[in-house]
PDB file of N, CA and C in Angstrom:
ATOM      1  N   UNK A   1      79.054 -74.505  61.417  1.00  0.00           N
ATOM      2  CA  UNK A   1      79.627 -73.262  61.868  1.00  0.00           C
ATOM      3  C   UNK A   1      78.539 -72.216  62.092  1.00  0.00           C
ATOM      4  N   UNK A   2      77.583 -72.181  61.192  1.00  0.00           N
ATOM      5  CA  UNK A   2      76.513 -71.194  61.310  1.00  0.00           C
ATOM      6  C   UNK A   2      75.650 -71.465  62.532  1.00  0.00           C
ATOM      7  N   UNK A   3      75.377 -72.742  62.840  1.00  0.00           N
ATOM      8  CA  UNK A   3      74.540 -73.041  64.003  1.00  0.00           C
ATOM      9  C   UNK A   3      75.255 -72.677  65.297  1.00  0.00           C
ATOM     10  N   UNK A   4      76.585 -72.792  65.331  1.00  0.00           N
ATOM     11  CA  UNK A   4      77.321 -72.389  66.533  1.00  0.00           C
ATOM     12  C   UNK A   4      77.173 -70.903  66.772  1.00  0.00           C
ATOM     13  N   UNK A   5      77.237 -70.119  65.706  1.00  0.00           N
ATOM     14  CA  UNK A   5      77.075 -68.665  65.844  1.00  0.00           C
ATOM     15  C   UNK A   5      75.661 -68.325  66.286  1.00  0.00           C
ATOM     16  N   UNK A   6      74.690 -69.055  65.761  1.00  0.00           N
ATOM     17  CA  UNK A   6      73.311 -68.802  66.167  1.00  0.00           C
ATOM     18  C   UNK A   6      73.108 -69.151  67.631  1.00  0.00           C
ATOM     19  N   UNK A   7      73.736 -70.230  68.090  1.00  0.00           N
ATOM     20  CA  UNK A   7      73.637 -70.599  69.505  1.00  0.00           C
ATOM     21  C   UNK A   7      74.303 -69.558  70.380  1.00  0.00           C
ATOM     22  N   UNK A   8      75.493 -69.094  69.963  1.00  0.00           N
ATOM     23  CA  UNK A   8      76.185 -68.057  70.725  1.00  0.00           C
ATOM     24  C   UNK A   8      75.354 -66.785  70.778  1.00  0.00           C
ATOM     25  N   UNK A   9      74.740 -66.421  69.654  1.00  0.00           N
ATOM     26  CA  UNK A   9      73.919 -65.217  69.619  1.00  0.00           C
ATOM     27  C   UNK A   9      72.694 -65.369  70.512  1.00  0.00           C
ATOM     28  N   UNK A  10      72.109 -66.564  70.533  1.00  0.00           N
ATOM     29  CA  UNK A  10      70.930 -66.794  71.378  1.00  0.00           C
ATOM     30  C   UNK A  10      71.300 -66.732  72.862  1.00  0.00           C
ATOM     31  N   UNK A  11      72.429 -67.319  73.232  1.00  0.00           N
ATOM     32  CA  UNK A  11      72.867 -67.278  74.632  1.00  0.00           C
ATOM     33  C   UNK A  11      73.197 -65.845  75.023  1.00  0.00           C
ATOM     34  N   UNK A  12      73.872 -65.120  74.147  1.00  0.00           N
ATOM     35  CA  UNK A  12      74.195 -63.722  74.424  1.00  0.00           C
ATOM     36  C   UNK A  12      72.954 -62.874  74.582  1.00  0.00           C
ATOM     37  N   UNK A  13      71.966 -63.101  73.726  1.00  0.00           N
ATOM     38  CA  UNK A  13      70.716 -62.345  73.836  1.00  0.00           C
ATOM     39  C   UNK A  13      69.992 -62.678  75.139  1.00  0.00           C
ATOM     40  N   UNK A  14      69.992 -63.953  75.523  1.00  0.00           N
ATOM     41  CA  UNK A  14      69.356 -64.341  76.785  1.00  0.00           C
ATOM     42  C   UNK A  14      70.042 -63.671  77.975  1.00  0.00           C
ATOM     43  N   UNK A  15      71.372 -63.674  77.978  1.00  0.00           N
ATOM     44  CA  UNK A  15      72.096 -63.057  79.090  1.00  0.00           C
ATOM     45  C   UNK A  15      71.885 -61.544  79.121  1.00  0.00           C
ATOM     46  N   UNK A  16      71.855 -60.911  77.956  1.00  0.00           N
ATOM     47  CA  UNK A  16      71.591 -59.467  77.914  1.00  0.00           C
ATOM     48  C   UNK A  16      70.207 -59.139  78.436  1.00  0.00           C
ATOM     49  N   UNK A  17      69.216 -59.918  78.024  1.00  0.00           N
ATOM     50  CA  UNK A  17      67.842 -59.662  78.502  1.00  0.00           C
ATOM     51  C   UNK A  17      67.714 -59.919  79.987  1.00  0.00           C
ATOM     52  N   UNK A  18      68.406 -60.940  80.475  1.00  0.00           N
ATOM     53  CA  UNK A  18      68.388 -61.210  81.912  1.00  0.00           C
ATOM     54  C   UNK A  18      69.013 -60.058  82.690  1.00  0.00           C
ATOM     55  N   UNK A  19      70.120 -59.527  82.171  1.00  0.00           N
ATOM     56  CA  UNK A  19      70.780 -58.404  82.835  1.00  0.00           C
ATOM     57  C   UNK A  19      69.892 -57.160  82.806  1.00  0.00           C
ATOM     58  N   UNK A  20      69.227 -56.917  81.697  1.00  0.00           N
ATOM     59  CA  UNK A  20      68.318 -55.768  81.632  1.00  0.00           C
ATOM     60  C   UNK A  20      67.151 -55.931  82.598  1.00  0.00           C
ATOM     61  N   UNK A  21      66.654 -57.145  82.729  1.00  0.00           N
ATOM     62  CA  UNK A  21      65.598 -57.408  83.701  1.00  0.00           C
ATOM     63  C   UNK A  21      66.085 -57.096  85.113  1.00  0.00           C
ATOM     64  N   UNK A  22      67.313 -57.512  85.425  1.00  0.00           N
ATOM     65  CA  UNK A  22      67.856 -57.244  86.753  1.00  0.00           C
ATOM     66  C   UNK A  22      68.091 -55.755  86.978  1.00  0.00           C
ATOM     67  N   UNK A  23      68.391 -55.011  85.920  1.00  0.00           N
ATOM     68  CA  UNK A  23      68.540 -53.566  86.070  1.00  0.00           C
ATOM     69  C   UNK A  23      67.211 -52.891  86.380  1.00  0.00           C
ATOM     70  N   UNK A  24      66.126 -53.430  85.849  1.00  0.00           N
ATOM     71  CA  UNK A  24      64.805 -52.830  86.080  1.00  0.00           C
ATOM     72  C   UNK A  24      64.133 -53.329  87.351  1.00  0.00           C
ATOM     73  N   UNK A  25      64.599 -54.445  87.875  1.00  0.00           N
ATOM     74  CA  UNK A  25      63.968 -55.035  89.055  1.00  0.00           C
ATOM     75  C   UNK A  25      63.941 -54.109  90.271  1.00  0.00           C
ATOM     76  N   UNK A  26      65.032 -53.397  90.614  1.00  0.00           N
ATOM     77  CA  UNK A  26      64.950 -52.495  91.768  1.00  0.00           C
ATOM     78  C   UNK A  26      63.943 -51.361  91.587  1.00  0.00           C
ATOM     79  N   UNK A  27      63.752 -50.923  90.360  1.00  0.00           N
ATOM     80  CA  UNK A  27      62.768 -49.866  90.107  1.00  0.00           C
ATOM     81  C   UNK A  27      61.364 -50.397  90.381  1.00  0.00           C
ATOM     82  N   UNK A  28      61.087 -51.604  89.924  1.00  0.00           N
ATOM     83  CA  UNK A  28      59.789 -52.219  90.195  1.00  0.00           C
ATOM     84  C   UNK A  28      59.597 -52.448  91.690  1.00  0.00           C
ATOM     85  N   UNK A  29      60.661 -52.869  92.346  1.00  0.00           N
ATOM     86  CA  UNK A  29      60.611 -53.068  93.795  1.00  0.00           C
ATOM     87  C   UNK A  29      60.329 -51.748  94.508  1.00  0.00           C
ATOM     88  N   UNK A  30      60.965 -50.679  94.043  1.00  0.00           N
ATOM     89  CA  UNK A  30      60.758 -49.365  94.643  1.00  0.00           C
ATOM     90  C   UNK A  30      59.310 -48.909  94.477  1.00  0.00           C
ATOM     91  N   UNK A  31      58.750 -49.048  93.281  1.00  0.00           N
ATOM     92  CA  UNK A  31      57.366 -48.613  93.076  1.00  0.00           C
ATOM     93  C   UNK A  31      56.380 -49.456  93.876  1.00  0.00           C
ATOM     94  N   UNK A  32      56.685 -50.743  94.016  1.00  0.00           N
ATOM     95  CA  UNK A  32      55.839 -51.578  94.867  1.00  0.00           C
ATOM     96  C   UNK A  32      55.944 -51.127  96.318  1.00  0.00           C
ATOM     97  N   UNK A  33      57.147 -50.831  96.760  1.00  0.00           N
ATOM     98  CA  UNK A  33      57.362 -50.437  98.156  1.00  0.00           C
ATOM     99  C   UNK A  33      56.737 -49.085  98.461  1.00  0.00           C
ATOM    100  N   UNK A  34      56.632 -48.213  97.463  1.00  0.00           N
ATOM    101  CA  UNK A  34      55.983 -46.919  97.705  1.00  0.00           C
ATOM    102  C   UNK A  34      54.539 -47.090  98.142  1.00  0.00           C
ATOM    103  N   UNK A  35      53.877 -48.117  97.646  1.00  0.00           N
ATOM    104  CA  UNK A  35      52.483 -48.355  98.023  1.00  0.00           C
ATOM    105  C   UNK A  35      52.368 -49.152  99.312  1.00  0.00           C
ATOM    106  N   UNK A  36      53.399 -49.921  99.641  1.00  0.00           N
ATOM    107  CA  UNK A  36      53.320 -50.809 100.797  1.00  0.00           C
ATOM    108  C   UNK A  36      53.936 -50.215 102.057  1.00  0.00           C
ATOM    109  N   UNK A  37      54.896 -49.302 101.916  1.00  0.00           N
ATOM    110  CA  UNK A  37      55.635 -48.755 103.056  1.00  0.00           C
ATOM    111  C   UNK A  37      55.655 -47.234 102.988  1.00  0.00           C
ATOM    112  N   UNK A  38      56.060 -46.586 104.063  1.00  0.00           N
ATOM    113  CA  UNK A  38      56.260 -45.139 104.000  1.00  0.00           C
ATOM    114  C   UNK A  38      57.370 -44.801 102.998  1.00  0.00           C
ATOM    115  N   UNK A  39      57.339 -43.596 102.423  1.00  0.00           N
ATOM    116  CA  UNK A  39      58.319 -43.251 101.374  1.00  0.00           C
ATOM    117  C   UNK A  39      59.777 -43.414 101.801  1.00  0.00           C
ATOM    118  N   UNK A  40      60.105 -43.053 103.024  1.00  0.00           N
ATOM    119  CA  UNK A  40      61.494 -43.161 103.472  1.00  0.00           C
ATOM    120  C   UNK A  40      61.955 -44.632 103.451  1.00  0.00           C
ATOM    121  N   UNK A  41      61.113 -45.525 103.925  1.00  0.00           N
ATOM    122  CA  UNK A  41      61.469 -46.946 103.904  1.00  0.00           C
ATOM    123  C   UNK A  41      61.513 -47.489 102.474  1.00  0.00           C
ATOM    124  N   UNK A  42      60.636 -46.986 101.618  1.00  0.00           N
ATOM    125  CA  UNK A  42      60.630 -47.432 100.224  1.00  0.00           C
ATOM    126  C   UNK A  42      61.923 -47.032  99.522  1.00  0.00           C
ATOM    127  N   UNK A  43      62.425 -45.823  99.805  1.00  0.00           N
ATOM    128  CA  UNK A  43      63.684 -45.394  99.201  1.00  0.00           C
ATOM    129  C   UNK A  43      64.827 -46.308  99.640  1.00  0.00           C
ATOM    130  N   UNK A  44      64.864 -46.639 100.930  1.00  0.00           N
ATOM    131  CA  UNK A  44      65.936 -47.510 101.415  1.00  0.00           C
ATOM    132  C   UNK A  44      65.818 -48.917 100.834  1.00  0.00           C
ATOM    133  N   UNK A  45      64.601 -49.401 100.694  1.00  0.00           N
ATOM    134  CA  UNK A  45      64.411 -50.724 100.104  1.00  0.00           C
ATOM    135  C   UNK A  45      64.857 -50.737  98.645  1.00  0.00           C
ATOM    136  N   UNK A  46      64.507 -49.682  97.910  1.00  0.00           N
ATOM    137  CA  UNK A  46      64.951 -49.582  96.516  1.00  0.00           C
ATOM    138  C   UNK A  46      66.466 -49.477  96.410  1.00  0.00           C
ATOM    139  N   UNK A  47      67.086 -48.699  97.300  1.00  0.00           N
ATOM    140  CA  UNK A  47      68.535 -48.559  97.299  1.00  0.00           C
ATOM    141  C   UNK A  47      69.215 -49.889  97.626  1.00  0.00           C
ATOM    142  N   UNK A  48      68.662 -50.606  98.591  1.00  0.00           N
ATOM    143  CA  UNK A  48      69.236 -51.910  98.945  1.00  0.00           C
ATOM    144  C   UNK A  48      69.114 -52.885  97.777  1.00  0.00           C
ATOM    145  N   UNK A  49      68.005 -52.838  97.067  1.00  0.00           N
ATOM    146  CA  UNK A  49      67.840 -53.708  95.906  1.00  0.00           C
ATOM    147  C   UNK A  49      68.874 -53.364  94.831  1.00  0.00           C
ATOM    148  N   UNK A  50      69.134 -52.071  94.651  1.00  0.00           N
ATOM    149  CA  UNK A  50      70.132 -51.647  93.661  1.00  0.00           C
ATOM    150  C   UNK A  50      71.513 -52.153  94.049  1.00  0.00           C
ATOM    151  N   UNK A  51      71.852 -52.024  95.321  1.00  0.00           N
ATOM    152  CA  UNK A  51      73.185 -52.421  95.781  1.00  0.00           C
ATOM    153  C   UNK A  51      73.425 -53.912  95.580  1.00  0.00           C
ATOM    154  N   UNK A  52      72.408 -54.721  95.782  1.00  0.00           N
ATOM    155  CA  UNK A  52      72.596 -56.168  95.679  1.00  0.00           C
ATOM    156  C   UNK A  52      72.361 -56.727  94.278  1.00  0.00           C
ATOM    157  N   UNK A  53      71.514 -56.091  93.484  1.00  0.00           N
ATOM    158  CA  UNK A  53      71.119 -56.677  92.193  1.00  0.00           C
ATOM    159  C   UNK A  53      71.972 -56.167  91.038  1.00  0.00           C
ATOM    160  N   UNK A  54      72.329 -54.887  91.014  1.00  0.00           N
ATOM    161  CA  UNK A  54      73.055 -54.342  89.866  1.00  0.00           C
ATOM    162  C   UNK A  54      74.431 -54.960  89.655  1.00  0.00           C
ATOM    163  N   UNK A  55      75.183 -55.323  90.698  1.00  0.00           N
ATOM    164  CA  UNK A  55      76.452 -56.014  90.406  1.00  0.00           C
ATOM    165  C   UNK A  55      76.251 -57.349  89.687  1.00  0.00           C
ATOM    166  N   UNK A  56      75.173 -58.042  90.014  1.00  0.00           N
ATOM    167  CA  UNK A  56      74.877 -59.301  89.314  1.00  0.00           C
ATOM    168  C   UNK A  56      74.568 -59.024  87.847  1.00  0.00           C
ATOM    169  N   UNK A  57      73.830 -57.936  87.586  1.00  0.00           N
ATOM    170  CA  UNK A  57      73.540 -57.561  86.203  1.00  0.00           C
ATOM    171  C   UNK A  57      74.822 -57.215  85.457  1.00  0.00           C
ATOM    172  N   UNK A  58      75.735 -56.548  86.116  1.00  0.00           N
ATOM    173  CA  UNK A  58      77.015 -56.227  85.485  1.00  0.00           C
ATOM    174  C   UNK A  58      77.800 -57.465  85.131  1.00  0.00           C
ATOM    175  N   UNK A  59      77.789 -58.440  86.018  1.00  0.00           N
ATOM    176  CA  UNK A  59      78.478 -59.705  85.742  1.00  0.00           C
ATOM    177  C   UNK A  59      77.842 -60.407  84.539  1.00  0.00           C
ATOM    178  N   UNK A  60      76.513 -60.379  84.467  1.00  0.00           N
ATOM    179  CA  UNK A  60      75.840 -60.994  83.322  1.00  0.00           C
ATOM    180  C   UNK A  60      76.189 -60.279  82.029  1.00  0.00           C
ATOM    181  N   UNK A  61      76.306 -58.938  82.063  1.00  0.00           N
ATOM    182  CA  UNK A  61      76.704 -58.200  80.861  1.00  0.00           C
ATOM    183  C   UNK A  61      78.106 -58.592  80.418  1.00  0.00           C
ATOM    184  N   UNK A  62      79.011 -58.770  81.367  1.00  0.00           N
ATOM    185  CA  UNK A  62      80.385 -59.157  81.021  1.00  0.00           C
ATOM    186  C   UNK A  62      80.405 -60.557  80.415  1.00  0.00           C
ATOM    187  N   UNK A  63      79.649 -61.475  80.988  1.00  0.00           N
ATOM    188  CA  UNK A  63      79.586 -62.832  80.438  1.00  0.00           C
ATOM    189  C   UNK A  63      78.953 -62.811  79.051  1.00  0.00           C
ATOM    190  N   UNK A  64      77.901 -61.989  78.876  1.00  0.00           N
ATOM    191  CA  UNK A  64      77.235 -61.894  77.570  1.00  0.00           C
ATOM    192  C   UNK A  64      78.175 -61.337  76.512  1.00  0.00           C
ATOM    193  N   UNK A  65      79.115 -60.492  76.909  1.00  0.00           N
ATOM    194  CA  UNK A  65      80.069 -59.948  75.941  1.00  0.00           C
ATOM    195  C   UNK A  65      80.942 -61.058  75.360  1.00  0.00           C
ATOM    196  N   UNK A  66      81.175 -62.116  76.116  1.00  0.00           N
ATOM    197  CA  UNK A  66      81.944 -63.247  75.608  1.00  0.00           C
ATOM    198  C   UNK A  66      81.202 -64.029  74.546  1.00  0.00           C
ATOM    199  N   UNK A  67      79.887 -63.928  74.514  1.00  0.00           N
ATOM    200  CA  UNK A  67      79.076 -64.632  73.521  1.00  0.00           C
ATOM    201  C   UNK A  67      78.698 -63.734  72.347  1.00  0.00           C
ATOM    202  N   UNK A  68      79.296 -62.553  72.288  1.00  0.00           N
ATOM    203  CA  UNK A  68      78.934 -61.596  71.251  1.00  0.00           C
ATOM    204  C   UNK A  68      79.422 -62.075  69.891  1.00  0.00           C
ATOM    205  N   UNK A  69      78.541 -62.018  68.909  1.00  0.00           N
ATOM    206  CA  UNK A  69      78.900 -62.329  67.526  1.00  0.00           C
ATOM    207  C   UNK A  69      78.973 -60.992  66.811  1.00  0.00           C
ATOM    208  N   UNK A  70      80.173 -60.607  66.393  1.00  0.00           N
ATOM    209  CA  UNK A  70      80.370 -59.264  65.854  1.00  0.00           C
ATOM    210  C   UNK A  70      79.780 -59.136  64.456  1.00  0.00           C
ATOM    211  N   UNK A  71      79.326 -57.939  64.153  1.00  0.00           N
ATOM    212  CA  UNK A  71      78.794 -57.669  62.824  1.00  0.00           C
ATOM    213  C   UNK A  71      79.908 -57.637  61.795  1.00  0.00           C
ATOM    214  N   UNK A  72      81.088 -57.202  62.212  1.00  0.00           N
ATOM    215  CA  UNK A  72      82.212 -57.154  61.269  1.00  0.00           C
ATOM    216  C   UNK A  72      82.556 -58.560  60.776  1.00  0.00           C
ATOM    217  N   UNK A  73      82.487 -59.528  61.673  1.00  0.00           N
ATOM    218  CA  UNK A  73      82.784 -60.905  61.279  1.00  0.00           C
ATOM    219  C   UNK A  73      81.731 -61.395  60.285  1.00  0.00           C
ATOM    220  N   UNK A  74      80.471 -61.048  60.524  1.00  0.00           N
ATOM    221  CA  UNK A  74      79.427 -61.453  59.588  1.00  0.00           C
ATOM    222  C   UNK A  74      79.626 -60.775  58.232  1.00  0.00           C
ATOM    223  N   UNK A  75      80.026 -59.496  58.256  1.00  0.00           N
ATOM    224  CA  UNK A  75      80.251 -58.784  57.001  1.00  0.00           C
ATOM    225  C   UNK A  75      81.418 -59.381  56.230  1.00  0.00           C
ATOM    226  N   UNK A  76      82.460 -59.784  56.949  1.00  0.00           N
ATOM    227  CA  UNK A  76      83.609 -60.392  56.275  1.00  0.00           C
ATOM    228  C   UNK A  76      83.218 -61.702  55.612  1.00  0.00           C
ATOM    229  N   UNK A  77      82.405 -62.499  56.294  1.00  0.00           N
ATOM    230  CA  UNK A  77      81.960 -63.754  55.701  1.00  0.00           C
ATOM    231  C   UNK A  77      81.077 -63.492  54.486  1.00  0.00           C
ATOM    232  N   UNK A  78      80.209 -62.500  54.595  1.00  0.00           N
ATOM    233  CA  UNK A  78      79.336 -62.179  53.466  1.00  0.00           C
ATOM    234  C   UNK A  78      80.147 -61.682  52.285  1.00  0.00           C
ATOM    235  N   UNK A  79      81.164 -60.877  52.541  1.00  0.00           N
ATOM    236  CA  UNK A  79      81.972 -60.370  51.427  1.00  0.00           C
ATOM    237  C   UNK A  79      82.793 -61.487  50.799  1.00  0.00           C
ATOM    238  N   UNK A  80      83.280 -62.426  51.606  1.00  0.00           N
ATOM    239  CA  UNK A  80      84.043 -63.539  51.030  1.00  0.00           C
ATOM    240  C   UNK A  80      83.133 -64.427  50.196  1.00  0.00           C
ATOM    241  N   UNK A  81      81.897 -64.619  50.644  1.00  0.00           N
ATOM    242  CA  UNK A  81      80.950 -65.386  49.839  1.00  0.00           C
ATOM    243  C   UNK A  81      80.636 -64.637  48.551  1.00  0.00           C
ATOM    244  N   UNK A  82      80.542 -63.314  48.651  1.00  0.00           N
ATOM    245  CA  UNK A  82      80.252 -62.503  47.477  1.00  0.00           C
ATOM    246  C   UNK A  82      81.391 -62.603  46.466  1.00  0.00           C
ATOM    247  N   UNK A  83      82.635 -62.580  46.936  1.00  0.00           N
ATOM    248  CA  UNK A  83      83.778 -62.702  46.035  1.00  0.00           C
ATOM    249  C   UNK A  83      83.813 -64.083  45.398  1.00  0.00           C
ATOM    250  N   UNK A  84      83.443 -65.096  46.161  1.00  0.00           N
ATOM    251  CA  UNK A  84      83.406 -66.443  45.600  1.00  0.00           C
ATOM    252  C   UNK A  84      82.358 -66.526  44.502  1.00  0.00           C
ATOM    253  N   UNK A  85      81.188 -65.964  44.727  1.00  0.00           N
ATOM    254  CA  UNK A  85      80.148 -65.969  43.700  1.00  0.00           C
ATOM    255  C   UNK A  85      80.586 -65.176  42.476  1.00  0.00           C
ATOM    256  N   UNK A  86      81.310 -64.086  42.694  1.00  0.00           N
ATOM    257  CA  UNK A  86      81.779 -63.284  41.582  1.00  0.00           C
ATOM    258  C   UNK A  86      82.748 -64.099  40.717  1.00  0.00           C
ATOM    259  N   UNK A  87      83.592 -64.901  41.366  1.00  0.00           N
ATOM    260  CA  UNK A  87      84.537 -65.725  40.608  1.00  0.00           C
ATOM    261  C   UNK A  87      83.818 -66.836  39.846  1.00  0.00           C
ATOM    262  N   UNK A  88      82.749 -67.362  40.442  1.00  0.00           N
ATOM    263  CA  UNK A  88      82.028 -68.446  39.765  1.00  0.00           C
ATOM    264  C   UNK A  88      81.308 -67.916  38.536  1.00  0.00           C
ATOM    265  N   UNK A  89      80.618 -66.778  38.666  1.00  0.00           N
ATOM    266  CA  UNK A  89      79.829 -66.276  37.569  1.00  0.00           C
ATOM    267  C   UNK A  89      80.614 -65.397  36.606  1.00  0.00           C
ATOM    268  N   UNK A  90      81.763 -64.876  37.016  1.00  0.00           N
ATOM    269  CA  UNK A  90      82.601 -64.042  36.151  1.00  0.00           C
ATOM    270  C   UNK A  90      84.032 -64.560  36.265  1.00  0.00           C
ATOM    271  N   UNK A  91      84.355 -65.656  35.577  1.00  0.00           N
ATOM    272  CA  UNK A  91      85.692 -66.253  35.725  1.00  0.00           C
ATOM    273  C   UNK A  91      86.824 -65.373  35.195  1.00  0.00           C
ATOM    274  N   UNK A  92      86.522 -64.377  34.377  1.00  0.00           N
ATOM    275  CA  UNK A  92      87.597 -63.534  33.822  1.00  0.00           C
ATOM    276  C   UNK A  92      88.187 -62.608  34.871  1.00  0.00           C
ATOM    277  N   UNK A  93      87.501 -62.358  35.975  1.00  0.00           N
ATOM    278  CA  UNK A  93      88.008 -61.444  37.017  1.00  0.00           C
ATOM    279  C   UNK A  93      88.947 -62.104  37.939  1.00  0.00           C
TER     280      UNK A  93
END
């Protein structure tokens, strides 16, 4: 069970990082275009990159949300383990 959660967390982290990379890609494209093209063309190239790339990043964020391992679930498991240990070491409770 623990390895499944670790795999889900790893896939979610990969998808989140990929989406963040895609969010930054148009900015990098824009700065590259500023040196290669006139400013007006660089702005349009950056805008076109945003229009085509950011929806893909949004889709990746939505998919990554499906792989999210909540902290509340981890806390509940930790508290249940804690209660079990309390019963083992303090049987009177």
